[in-house]
Amino acid sequence: MAVSIHCDARGGLAAAMELVRQVRAAWDGGEDLLLDLSEVIAPDIAIVQTIEVARAQASAEGRSILLAQPASSAMAEVLEQSGLLWAAVPADRQFWFHKGEDA
């Protein structure tokens, strides 16, 4: 079973720190994660970095982390500006945009 985590609409460092707190609490309980970013209207690099670190940790620990819905256009812009999409592999496209290997 996965714990659903909602990220704050304000984005920024405060939202990223709250996201870290929620992720740690879920993982302390042994749960996988379902991230809901639908309310994030002003994403920034702090949120993206926090999610990427959580993805790496989840992979290392054999845990699952998924997005409840594909990344918004605002999130896609931050991903592009950060360089994370420049060499995106199929797993990255699947995670952020729910697109398979053929997309």
PDB file of N, CA and C in Angstrom:
ATOM      1  N   MET A   1       0.841  -1.178   0.000  1.00  0.00           N
ATOM      2  CA  MET A   1       0.000   0.000   0.000  1.00  0.00           C
ATOM      3  C   MET A   1       0.892   1.249   0.000  1.00  0.00           C
ATOM      4  N   ALA A   2       0.445   2.269  -0.732  1.00  0.00           N
ATOM      5  CA  ALA A   2       1.219   3.502  -0.825  1.00  0.00           C
ATOM      6  C   ALA A   2       0.544   4.621  -0.044  1.00  0.00           C
ATOM      7  N   VAL A   3       1.365   5.442   0.577  1.00  0.00           N
ATOM      8  CA  VAL A   3       0.887   6.627   1.275  1.00  0.00           C
ATOM      9  C   VAL A   3       0.824   7.775   0.268  1.00  0.00           C
ATOM     10  N   SER A   4      -0.298   8.469   0.232  1.00  0.00           N
ATOM     11  CA  SER A   4      -0.445   9.616  -0.646  1.00  0.00           C
ATOM     12  C   SER A   4       0.052  10.865   0.073  1.00  0.00           C
ATOM     13  N   ILE A   5       0.955  11.591  -0.582  1.00  0.00           N
ATOM     14  CA  ILE A   5       1.522  12.817  -0.035  1.00  0.00           C
ATOM     15  C   ILE A   5       1.176  13.956  -0.978  1.00  0.00           C
ATOM     16  N   HIS A   6       0.625  15.018  -0.412  1.00  0.00           N
ATOM     17  CA  HIS A   6       0.275  16.210  -1.186  1.00  0.00           C
ATOM     18  C   HIS A   6       1.340  17.274  -0.937  1.00  0.00           C
ATOM     19  N   CYS A   7       1.809  17.856  -2.007  1.00  0.00           N
ATOM     20  CA  CYS A   7       2.815  18.905  -1.901  1.00  0.00           C
ATOM     21  C   CYS A   7       2.128  20.260  -1.894  1.00  0.00           C
ATOM     22  N   ASP A   8       2.619  21.142  -1.077  1.00  0.00           N
ATOM     23  CA  ASP A   8       2.057  22.480  -0.906  1.00  0.00           C
ATOM     24  C   ASP A   8       2.106  23.295  -2.197  1.00  0.00           C
ATOM     25  N   ALA A   9       1.068  24.065  -2.431  1.00  0.00           N
ATOM     26  CA  ALA A   9       0.958  24.868  -3.646  1.00  0.00           C
ATOM     27  C   ALA A   9       2.016  25.952  -3.752  1.00  0.00           C
ATOM     28  N   ARG A  10       2.540  26.408  -2.622  1.00  0.00           N
ATOM     29  CA  ARG A  10       3.461  27.546  -2.666  1.00  0.00           C
ATOM     30  C   ARG A  10       4.823  27.180  -3.241  1.00  0.00           C
ATOM     31  N   GLY A  11       5.158  25.906  -3.277  1.00  0.00           N
ATOM     32  CA  GLY A  11       6.466  25.518  -3.785  1.00  0.00           C
ATOM     33  C   GLY A  11       7.569  26.079  -2.903  1.00  0.00           C
ATOM     34  N   GLY A  12       8.759  26.134  -3.409  1.00  0.00           N
ATOM     35  CA  GLY A  12       9.863  26.733  -2.680  1.00  0.00           C
ATOM     36  C   GLY A  12      10.461  25.845  -1.614  1.00  0.00           C
ATOM     37  N   LEU A  13      11.393  26.421  -0.888  1.00  0.00           N
ATOM     38  CA  LEU A  13      12.158  25.674   0.108  1.00  0.00           C
ATOM     39  C   LEU A  13      11.275  25.164   1.248  1.00  0.00           C
ATOM     40  N   ALA A  14      10.330  25.972   1.702  1.00  0.00           N
ATOM     41  CA  ALA A  14       9.459  25.538   2.796  1.00  0.00           C
ATOM     42  C   ALA A  14       8.647  24.313   2.384  1.00  0.00           C
ATOM     43  N   ALA A  15       8.131  24.313   1.167  1.00  0.00           N
ATOM     44  CA  ALA A  15       7.369  23.157   0.684  1.00  0.00           C
ATOM     45  C   ALA A  15       8.280  21.940   0.527  1.00  0.00           C
ATOM     46  N   ALA A  16       9.501  22.163   0.064  1.00  0.00           N
ATOM     47  CA  ALA A  16      10.447  21.057  -0.090  1.00  0.00           C
ATOM     48  C   ALA A  16      10.783  20.441   1.266  1.00  0.00           C
ATOM     49  N   MET A  17      10.966  21.287   2.275  1.00  0.00           N
ATOM     50  CA  MET A  17      11.270  20.770   3.617  1.00  0.00           C
ATOM     51  C   MET A  17      10.084  19.987   4.180  1.00  0.00           C
ATOM     52  N   GLU A  18       8.880  20.451   3.946  1.00  0.00           N
ATOM     53  CA  GLU A  18       7.693  19.724   4.385  1.00  0.00           C
ATOM     54  C   GLU A  18       7.574  18.405   3.639  1.00  0.00           C
ATOM     55  N   LEU A  19       7.908  18.409   2.359  1.00  0.00           N
ATOM     56  CA  LEU A  19       7.880  17.171   1.578  1.00  0.00           C
ATOM     57  C   LEU A  19       8.876  16.159   2.143  1.00  0.00           C
ATOM     58  N   VAL A  20      10.068  16.613   2.501  1.00  0.00           N
ATOM     59  CA  VAL A  20      11.069  15.732   3.116  1.00  0.00           C
ATOM     60  C   VAL A  20      10.513  15.126   4.405  1.00  0.00           C
ATOM     61  N   ARG A  21       9.885  15.942   5.222  1.00  0.00           N
ATOM     62  CA  ARG A  21       9.305  15.464   6.482  1.00  0.00           C
ATOM     63  C   ARG A  21       8.248  14.384   6.225  1.00  0.00           C
ATOM     64  N   GLN A  22       7.389  14.624   5.247  1.00  0.00           N
ATOM     65  CA  GLN A  22       6.333  13.655   4.943  1.00  0.00           C
ATOM     66  C   GLN A  22       6.894  12.354   4.367  1.00  0.00           C
ATOM     67  N   VAL A  23       7.897  12.476   3.505  1.00  0.00           N
ATOM     68  CA  VAL A  23       8.523  11.281   2.918  1.00  0.00           C
ATOM     69  C   VAL A  23       9.179  10.444   4.018  1.00  0.00           C
ATOM     70  N   ARG A  24       9.925  11.096   4.889  1.00  0.00           N
ATOM     71  CA  ARG A  24      10.579  10.366   5.988  1.00  0.00           C
ATOM     72  C   ARG A  24       9.558   9.662   6.869  1.00  0.00           C
ATOM     73  N   ALA A  25       8.469  10.342   7.188  1.00  0.00           N
ATOM     74  CA  ALA A  25       7.433   9.744   8.035  1.00  0.00           C
ATOM     75  C   ALA A  25       6.821   8.525   7.358  1.00  0.00           C
ATOM     76  N   ALA A  26       6.565   8.621   6.068  1.00  0.00           N
ATOM     77  CA  ALA A  26       5.987   7.485   5.342  1.00  0.00           C
ATOM     78  C   ALA A  26       6.970   6.322   5.303  1.00  0.00           C
ATOM     79  N   TRP A  27       8.249   6.628   5.038  1.00  0.00           N
ATOM     80  CA  TRP A  27       9.229   5.558   4.966  1.00  0.00           C
ATOM     81  C   TRP A  27       9.535   4.972   6.331  1.00  0.00           C
ATOM     82  N   ASP A  28       9.439   5.765   7.378  1.00  0.00           N
ATOM     83  CA  ASP A  28       9.600   5.205   8.729  1.00  0.00           C
ATOM     84  C   ASP A  28       8.515   4.178   9.004  1.00  0.00           C
ATOM     85  N   GLY A  29       7.352   4.367   8.383  1.00  0.00           N
ATOM     86  CA  GLY A  29       6.250   3.419   8.522  1.00  0.00           C
ATOM     87  C   GLY A  29       6.317   2.292   7.514  1.00  0.00           C
ATOM     88  N   GLY A  30       7.365   2.265   6.684  1.00  0.00           N
ATOM     89  CA  GLY A  30       7.543   1.187   5.714  1.00  0.00           C
ATOM     90  C   GLY A  30       6.662   1.301   4.488  1.00  0.00           C
ATOM     91  N   GLU A  31       6.121   2.472   4.237  1.00  0.00           N
ATOM     92  CA  GLU A  31       5.179   2.653   3.133  1.00  0.00           C
ATOM     93  C   GLU A  31       5.865   3.110   1.849  1.00  0.00           C
ATOM     94  N   ASP A  32       5.265   2.734   0.713  1.00  0.00           N
ATOM     95  CA  ASP A  32       5.658   3.309  -0.564  1.00  0.00           C
ATOM     96  C   ASP A  32       4.937   4.647  -0.698  1.00  0.00           C
ATOM     97  N   LEU A  33       5.313   5.443  -1.716  1.00  0.00           N
ATOM     98  CA  LEU A  33       4.785   6.798  -1.824  1.00  0.00           C
ATOM     99  C   LEU A  33       4.057   7.054  -3.132  1.00  0.00           C
ATOM    100  N   LEU A  34       2.988   7.821  -3.032  1.00  0.00           N
ATOM    101  CA  LEU A  34       2.275   8.356  -4.173  1.00  0.00           C
ATOM    102  C   LEU A  34       2.244   9.865  -3.971  1.00  0.00           C
ATOM    103  N   LEU A  35       3.010  10.601  -4.794  1.00  0.00           N
ATOM    104  CA  LEU A  35       3.105  12.049  -4.651  1.00  0.00           C
ATOM    105  C   LEU A  35       2.044  12.746  -5.484  1.00  0.00           C
ATOM    106  N   ASP A  36       1.289  13.615  -4.840  1.00  0.00           N
ATOM    107  CA  ASP A  36       0.278  14.410  -5.522  1.00  0.00           C
ATOM    108  C   ASP A  36       0.797  15.838  -5.623  1.00  0.00           C
ATOM    109  N   LEU A  37       1.157  16.240  -6.825  1.00  0.00           N
ATOM    110  CA  LEU A  37       1.690  17.579  -7.070  1.00  0.00           C
ATOM    111  C   LEU A  37       0.656  18.480  -7.735  1.00  0.00           C
ATOM    112  N   SER A  38      -0.598  18.047  -7.761  1.00  0.00           N
ATOM    113  CA  SER A  38      -1.635  18.778  -8.495  1.00  0.00           C
ATOM    114  C   SER A  38      -1.867  20.184  -7.978  1.00  0.00           C
ATOM    115  N   GLU A  39      -1.559  20.463  -6.730  1.00  0.00           N
ATOM    116  CA  GLU A  39      -1.769  21.797  -6.173  1.00  0.00           C
ATOM    117  C   GLU A  39      -0.553  22.708  -6.319  1.00  0.00           C
ATOM    118  N   VAL A  40       0.546  22.179  -6.789  1.00  0.00           N
ATOM    119  CA  VAL A  40       1.771  22.985  -6.921  1.00  0.00           C
ATOM    120  C   VAL A  40       1.639  23.871  -8.151  1.00  0.00           C
ATOM    121  N   ILE A  41       1.480  25.165  -7.903  1.00  0.00           N
ATOM    122  CA  ILE A  41       1.300  26.100  -9.010  1.00  0.00           C
ATOM    123  C   ILE A  41       2.594  26.833  -9.363  1.00  0.00           C
ATOM    124  N   ALA A  42       3.533  26.848  -8.448  1.00  0.00           N
ATOM    125  CA  ALA A  42       4.804  27.546  -8.674  1.00  0.00           C
ATOM    126  C   ALA A  42       5.964  26.649  -8.270  1.00  0.00           C
ATOM    127  N   PRO A  43       6.172  25.555  -9.010  1.00  0.00           N
ATOM    128  CA  PRO A  43       7.273  24.658  -8.647  1.00  0.00           C
ATOM    129  C   PRO A  43       8.618  25.335  -8.862  1.00  0.00           C
ATOM    130  N   ASP A  44       9.605  24.858  -8.125  1.00  0.00           N
ATOM    131  CA  ASP A  44      10.951  25.370  -8.309  1.00  0.00           C
ATOM    132  C   ASP A  44      11.936  24.229  -8.152  1.00  0.00           C
ATOM    133  N   ILE A  45      13.202  24.555  -8.268  1.00  0.00           N
ATOM    134  CA  ILE A  45      14.243  23.530  -8.247  1.00  0.00           C
ATOM    135  C   ILE A  45      14.303  22.804  -6.905  1.00  0.00           C
ATOM    136  N   ALA A  46      13.931  23.456  -5.811  1.00  0.00           N
ATOM    137  CA  ALA A  46      13.971  22.788  -4.502  1.00  0.00           C
ATOM    138  C   ALA A  46      13.024  21.595  -4.470  1.00  0.00           C
ATOM    139  N   ILE A  47      11.832  21.748  -5.028  1.00  0.00           N
ATOM    140  CA  ILE A  47      10.875  20.641  -5.074  1.00  0.00           C
ATOM    141  C   ILE A  47      11.409  19.532  -5.974  1.00  0.00           C
ATOM    142  N   VAL A  48      11.909  19.906  -7.154  1.00  0.00           N
ATOM    143  CA  VAL A  48      12.435  18.918  -8.097  1.00  0.00           C
ATOM    144  C   VAL A  48      13.599  18.148  -7.471  1.00  0.00           C
ATOM    145  N   GLN A  49      14.525  18.848  -6.838  1.00  0.00           N
ATOM    146  CA  GLN A  49      15.666  18.176  -6.209  1.00  0.00           C
ATOM    147  C   GLN A  49      15.214  17.241  -5.094  1.00  0.00           C
ATOM    148  N   THR A  50      14.252  17.666  -4.314  1.00  0.00           N
ATOM    149  CA  THR A  50      13.737  16.828  -3.230  1.00  0.00           C
ATOM    150  C   THR A  50      13.127  15.550  -3.789  1.00  0.00           C
ATOM    151  N   ILE A  51      12.358  15.685  -4.847  1.00  0.00           N
ATOM    152  CA  ILE A  51      11.732  14.513  -5.462  1.00  0.00           C
ATOM    153  C   ILE A  51      12.782  13.597  -6.074  1.00  0.00           C
ATOM    154  N   GLU A  52      13.773  14.168  -6.731  1.00  0.00           N
ATOM    155  CA  GLU A  52      14.826  13.349  -7.337  1.00  0.00           C
ATOM    156  C   GLU A  52      15.631  12.595  -6.278  1.00  0.00           C
ATOM    157  N   VAL A  53      15.917  13.230  -5.159  1.00  0.00           N
ATOM    158  CA  VAL A  53      16.613  12.543  -4.065  1.00  0.00           C
ATOM    159  C   VAL A  53      15.737  11.414  -3.525  1.00  0.00           C
ATOM    160  N   ALA A  54      14.453  11.678  -3.368  1.00  0.00           N
ATOM    161  CA  ALA A  54      13.536  10.629  -2.893  1.00  0.00           C
ATOM    162  C   ALA A  54      13.472   9.474  -3.881  1.00  0.00           C
ATOM    163  N   ARG A  55      13.480   9.768  -5.164  1.00  0.00           N
ATOM    164  CA  ARG A  55      13.495   8.701  -6.182  1.00  0.00           C
ATOM    165  C   ARG A  55      14.748   7.844  -6.063  1.00  0.00           C
ATOM    166  N   ALA A  56      15.901   8.493  -5.904  1.00  0.00           N
ATOM    167  CA  ALA A  56      17.160   7.762  -5.786  1.00  0.00           C
ATOM    168  C   ALA A  56      17.169   6.896  -4.533  1.00  0.00           C
ATOM    169  N   GLN A  57      16.693   7.451  -3.436  1.00  0.00           N
ATOM    170  CA  GLN A  57      16.657   6.681  -2.196  1.00  0.00           C
ATOM    171  C   GLN A  57      15.671   5.519  -2.307  1.00  0.00           C
ATOM    172  N   ALA A  58      14.532   5.784  -2.916  1.00  0.00           N
ATOM    173  CA  ALA A  58      13.541   4.713  -3.101  1.00  0.00           C
ATOM    174  C   ALA A  58      14.143   3.575  -3.916  1.00  0.00           C
ATOM    175  N   SER A  59      14.833   3.921  -4.983  1.00  0.00           N
ATOM    176  CA  SER A  59      15.462   2.903  -5.822  1.00  0.00           C
ATOM    177  C   SER A  59      16.502   2.101  -5.045  1.00  0.00           C
ATOM    178  N   ALA A  60      17.316   2.787  -4.273  1.00  0.00           N
ATOM    179  CA  ALA A  60      18.368   2.121  -3.495  1.00  0.00           C
ATOM    180  C   ALA A  60      17.793   1.193  -2.430  1.00  0.00           C
ATOM    181  N   GLU A  61      16.619   1.533  -1.926  1.00  0.00           N
ATOM    182  CA  GLU A  61      16.011   0.751  -0.846  1.00  0.00           C
ATOM    183  C   GLU A  61      14.920  -0.197  -1.328  1.00  0.00           C
ATOM    184  N   GLY A  62      14.740  -0.281  -2.649  1.00  0.00           N
ATOM    185  CA  GLY A  62      13.716  -1.179  -3.187  1.00  0.00           C
ATOM    186  C   GLY A  62      12.297  -0.717  -2.894  1.00  0.00           C
ATOM    187  N   ARG A  63      12.132   0.588  -2.754  1.00  0.00           N
ATOM    188  CA  ARG A  63      10.807   1.155  -2.489  1.00  0.00           C
ATOM    189  C   ARG A  63      10.229   1.726  -3.782  1.00  0.00           C
ATOM    190  N   SER A  64       8.946   2.055  -3.709  1.00  0.00           N
ATOM    191  CA  SER A  64       8.254   2.628  -4.851  1.00  0.00           C
ATOM    192  C   SER A  64       7.864   4.076  -4.556  1.00  0.00           C
ATOM    193  N   ILE A  65       8.048   4.922  -5.538  1.00  0.00           N
ATOM    194  CA  ILE A  65       7.578   6.299  -5.458  1.00  0.00           C
ATOM    195  C   ILE A  65       7.017   6.657  -6.831  1.00  0.00           C
ATOM    196  N   LEU A  66       5.786   7.125  -6.840  1.00  0.00           N
ATOM    197  CA  LEU A  66       5.094   7.452  -8.083  1.00  0.00           C
ATOM    198  C   LEU A  66       4.442   8.815  -7.968  1.00  0.00           C
ATOM    199  N   LEU A  67       4.194   9.443  -9.118  1.00  0.00           N
ATOM    200  CA  LEU A  67       3.409  10.666  -9.148  1.00  0.00           C
ATOM    201  C   LEU A  67       1.956  10.292  -9.410  1.00  0.00           C
ATOM    202  N   ALA A  68       1.047  10.952  -8.723  1.00  0.00           N
ATOM    203  CA  ALA A  68      -0.380  10.670  -8.883  1.00  0.00           C
ATOM    204  C   ALA A  68      -0.872  11.052 -10.277  1.00  0.00           C
ATOM    205  N   GLN A  69      -0.249  12.063 -10.872  1.00  0.00           N
ATOM    206  CA  GLN A  69      -0.608  12.504 -12.217  1.00  0.00           C
ATOM    207  C   GLN A  69       0.665  13.008 -12.894  1.00  0.00           C
ATOM    208  N   PRO A  70       0.658  13.070 -14.229  1.00  0.00           N
ATOM    209  CA  PRO A  70       1.848  13.569 -14.916  1.00  0.00           C
ATOM    210  C   PRO A  70       2.204  14.984 -14.474  1.00  0.00           C
ATOM    211  N   ALA A  71       3.468  15.329 -14.598  1.00  0.00           N
ATOM    212  CA  ALA A  71       3.938  16.665 -14.236  1.00  0.00           C
ATOM    213  C   ALA A  71       3.217  17.724 -15.059  1.00  0.00           C
ATOM    214  N   SER A  72       2.897  18.823 -14.407  1.00  0.00           N
ATOM    215  CA  SER A  72       2.238  19.942 -15.072  1.00  0.00           C
ATOM    216  C   SER A  72       3.211  20.619 -16.036  1.00  0.00           C
ATOM    217  N   SER A  73       2.694  21.511 -16.857  1.00  0.00           N
ATOM    218  CA  SER A  73       3.570  22.243 -17.769  1.00  0.00           C
ATOM    219  C   SER A  73       4.551  23.122 -16.988  1.00  0.00           C
ATOM    220  N   ALA A  74       4.110  23.672 -15.853  1.00  0.00           N
ATOM    221  CA  ALA A  74       5.017  24.475 -15.022  1.00  0.00           C
ATOM    222  C   ALA A  74       6.142  23.607 -14.461  1.00  0.00           C
ATOM    223  N   MET A  75       5.811  22.397 -14.023  1.00  0.00           N
ATOM    224  CA  MET A  75       6.833  21.482 -13.510  1.00  0.00           C
ATOM    225  C   MET A  75       7.757  21.055 -14.643  1.00  0.00           C
ATOM    226  N   ALA A  76       7.207  20.782 -15.813  1.00  0.00           N
ATOM    227  CA  ALA A  76       8.029  20.396 -16.966  1.00  0.00           C
ATOM    228  C   ALA A  76       9.027  21.492 -17.312  1.00  0.00           C
ATOM    229  N   GLU A  77       8.602  22.740 -17.185  1.00  0.00           N
ATOM    230  CA  GLU A  77       9.510  23.856 -17.460  1.00  0.00           C
ATOM    231  C   GLU A  77      10.679  23.868 -16.472  1.00  0.00           C
ATOM    232  N   VAL A  78      10.400  23.628 -15.193  1.00  0.00           N
ATOM    233  CA  VAL A  78      11.470  23.577 -14.188  1.00  0.00           C
ATOM    234  C   VAL A  78      12.392  22.395 -14.474  1.00  0.00           C
ATOM    235  N   LEU A  79      11.824  21.265 -14.841  1.00  0.00           N
ATOM    236  CA  LEU A  79      12.636  20.090 -15.167  1.00  0.00           C
ATOM    237  C   LEU A  79      13.555  20.383 -16.351  1.00  0.00           C
ATOM    238  N   GLU A  80      13.021  21.037 -17.361  1.00  0.00           N
ATOM    239  CA  GLU A  80      13.820  21.380 -18.541  1.00  0.00           C
ATOM    240  C   GLU A  80      14.919  22.386 -18.178  1.00  0.00           C
ATOM    241  N   GLN A  81      14.564  23.428 -17.444  1.00  0.00           N
ATOM    242  CA  GLN A  81      15.540  24.449 -17.071  1.00  0.00           C
ATOM    243  C   GLN A  81      16.640  23.889 -16.180  1.00  0.00           C
ATOM    244  N   SER A  82      16.315  22.881 -15.377  1.00  0.00           N
ATOM    245  CA  SER A  82      17.308  22.293 -14.478  1.00  0.00           C
ATOM    246  C   SER A  82      18.247  21.334 -15.199  1.00  0.00           C
ATOM    247  N   GLY A  83      17.873  20.944 -16.412  1.00  0.00           N
ATOM    248  CA  GLY A  83      18.696  20.006 -17.167  1.00  0.00           C
ATOM    249  C   GLY A  83      18.326  18.554 -16.964  1.00  0.00           C
ATOM    250  N   LEU A  84      17.339  18.280 -16.128  1.00  0.00           N
ATOM    251  CA  LEU A  84      16.981  16.889 -15.850  1.00  0.00           C
ATOM    252  C   LEU A  84      16.360  16.170 -17.043  1.00  0.00           C
ATOM    253  N   LEU A  85      15.836  16.906 -17.995  1.00  0.00           N
ATOM    254  CA  LEU A  85      15.231  16.260 -19.162  1.00  0.00           C
ATOM    255  C   LEU A  85      16.187  16.148 -20.335  1.00  0.00           C
ATOM    256  N   TRP A  86      17.358  16.763 -20.224  1.00  0.00           N
ATOM    257  CA  TRP A  86      18.296  16.768 -21.343  1.00  0.00           C
ATOM    258  C   TRP A  86      18.747  15.365 -21.723  1.00  0.00           C
ATOM    259  N   ALA A  87      18.923  14.518 -20.761  1.00  0.00           N
ATOM    260  CA  ALA A  87      19.346  13.140 -21.025  1.00  0.00           C
ATOM    261  C   ALA A  87      18.392  12.168 -20.331  1.00  0.00           C
ATOM    262  N   ALA A  88      17.115  12.509 -20.356  1.00  0.00           N
ATOM    263  CA  ALA A  88      16.125  11.682 -19.668  1.00  0.00           C
ATOM    264  C   ALA A  88      16.084  10.280 -20.266  1.00  0.00           C
ATOM    265  N   VAL A  89      16.037   9.310 -19.408  1.00  0.00           N
ATOM    266  CA  VAL A  89      15.900   7.914 -19.813  1.00  0.00           C
ATOM    267  C   VAL A  89      14.421   7.558 -19.699  1.00  0.00           C
ATOM    268  N   PRO A  90      14.014   6.418 -20.268  1.00  0.00           N
ATOM    269  CA  PRO A  90      12.601   6.036 -20.210  1.00  0.00           C
ATOM    270  C   PRO A  90      12.013   6.048 -18.793  1.00  0.00           C
ATOM    271  N   ALA A  91      12.785   5.649 -17.801  1.00  0.00           N
ATOM    272  CA  ALA A  91      12.263   5.643 -16.425  1.00  0.00           C
ATOM    273  C   ALA A  91      11.943   7.059 -15.953  1.00  0.00           C
ATOM    274  N   ASP A  92      12.728   8.050 -16.396  1.00  0.00           N
ATOM    275  CA  ASP A  92      12.457   9.440 -16.040  1.00  0.00           C
ATOM    276  C   ASP A  92      11.169   9.926 -16.698  1.00  0.00           C
ATOM    277  N   ARG A  93      11.009   9.613 -17.996  1.00  0.00           N
ATOM    278  CA  ARG A  93       9.791  10.025 -18.702  1.00  0.00           C
ATOM    279  C   ARG A  93       8.570   9.338 -18.107  1.00  0.00           C
ATOM    280  N   GLN A  94       8.723   8.081 -17.718  1.00  0.00           N
ATOM    281  CA  GLN A  94       7.608   7.365 -17.097  1.00  0.00           C
ATOM    282  C   GLN A  94       7.245   8.004 -15.760  1.00  0.00           C
ATOM    283  N   PHE A  95       8.239   8.315 -14.943  1.00  0.00           N
ATOM    284  CA  PHE A  95       7.976   8.901 -13.639  1.00  0.00           C
ATOM    285  C   PHE A  95       7.312  10.265 -13.771  1.00  0.00           C
ATOM    286  N   TRP A  96       7.934  11.180 -14.488  1.00  0.00           N
ATOM    287  CA  TRP A  96       7.460  12.559 -14.539  1.00  0.00           C
ATOM    288  C   TRP A  96       6.233  12.760 -15.428  1.00  0.00           C
ATOM    289  N   PHE A  97       6.138  12.014 -16.539  1.00  0.00           N
ATOM    290  CA  PHE A  97       5.079  12.277 -17.511  1.00  0.00           C
ATOM    291  C   PHE A  97       4.162  11.087 -17.791  1.00  0.00           C
ATOM    292  N   HIS A  98       4.422   9.967 -17.124  1.00  0.00           N
ATOM    293  CA  HIS A  98       3.626   8.747 -17.303  1.00  0.00           C
ATOM    294  C   HIS A  98       3.652   8.281 -18.766  1.00  0.00           C
ATOM    295  N   LYS A  99       4.822   8.436 -19.380  1.00  0.00           N
ATOM    296  CA  LYS A  99       4.994   8.025 -20.763  1.00  0.00           C
ATOM    297  C   LYS A  99       5.940   6.849 -20.815  1.00  0.00           C
ATOM    298  N   GLY A 100       5.573   5.852 -21.585  1.00  0.00           N
ATOM    299  CA  GLY A 100       6.380   4.647 -21.703  1.00  0.00           C
ATOM    300  C   GLY A 100       7.592   4.844 -22.592  1.00  0.00           C
ATOM    301  N   GLU A 101       8.264   3.752 -22.845  1.00  0.00           N
ATOM    302  CA  GLU A 101       9.509   3.797 -23.626  1.00  0.00           C
ATOM    303  C   GLU A 101       9.306   4.247 -25.053  1.00  0.00           C
ATOM    304  N   ASP A 102       8.117   4.067 -25.614  1.00  0.00           N
ATOM    305  CA  ASP A 102       7.878   4.433 -26.999  1.00  0.00           C
ATOM    306  C   ASP A 102       7.541   5.914 -27.172  1.00  0.00           C
ATOM    307  N   ALA A 103       7.406   6.644 -26.052  1.00  0.00           N
ATOM    308  CA  ALA A 103       7.017   8.061 -26.121  1.00  0.00           C
ATOM    309  C   ALA A 103       8.232   8.959 -26.230  1.00  0.00           C
TER     310      ALA A 103
END
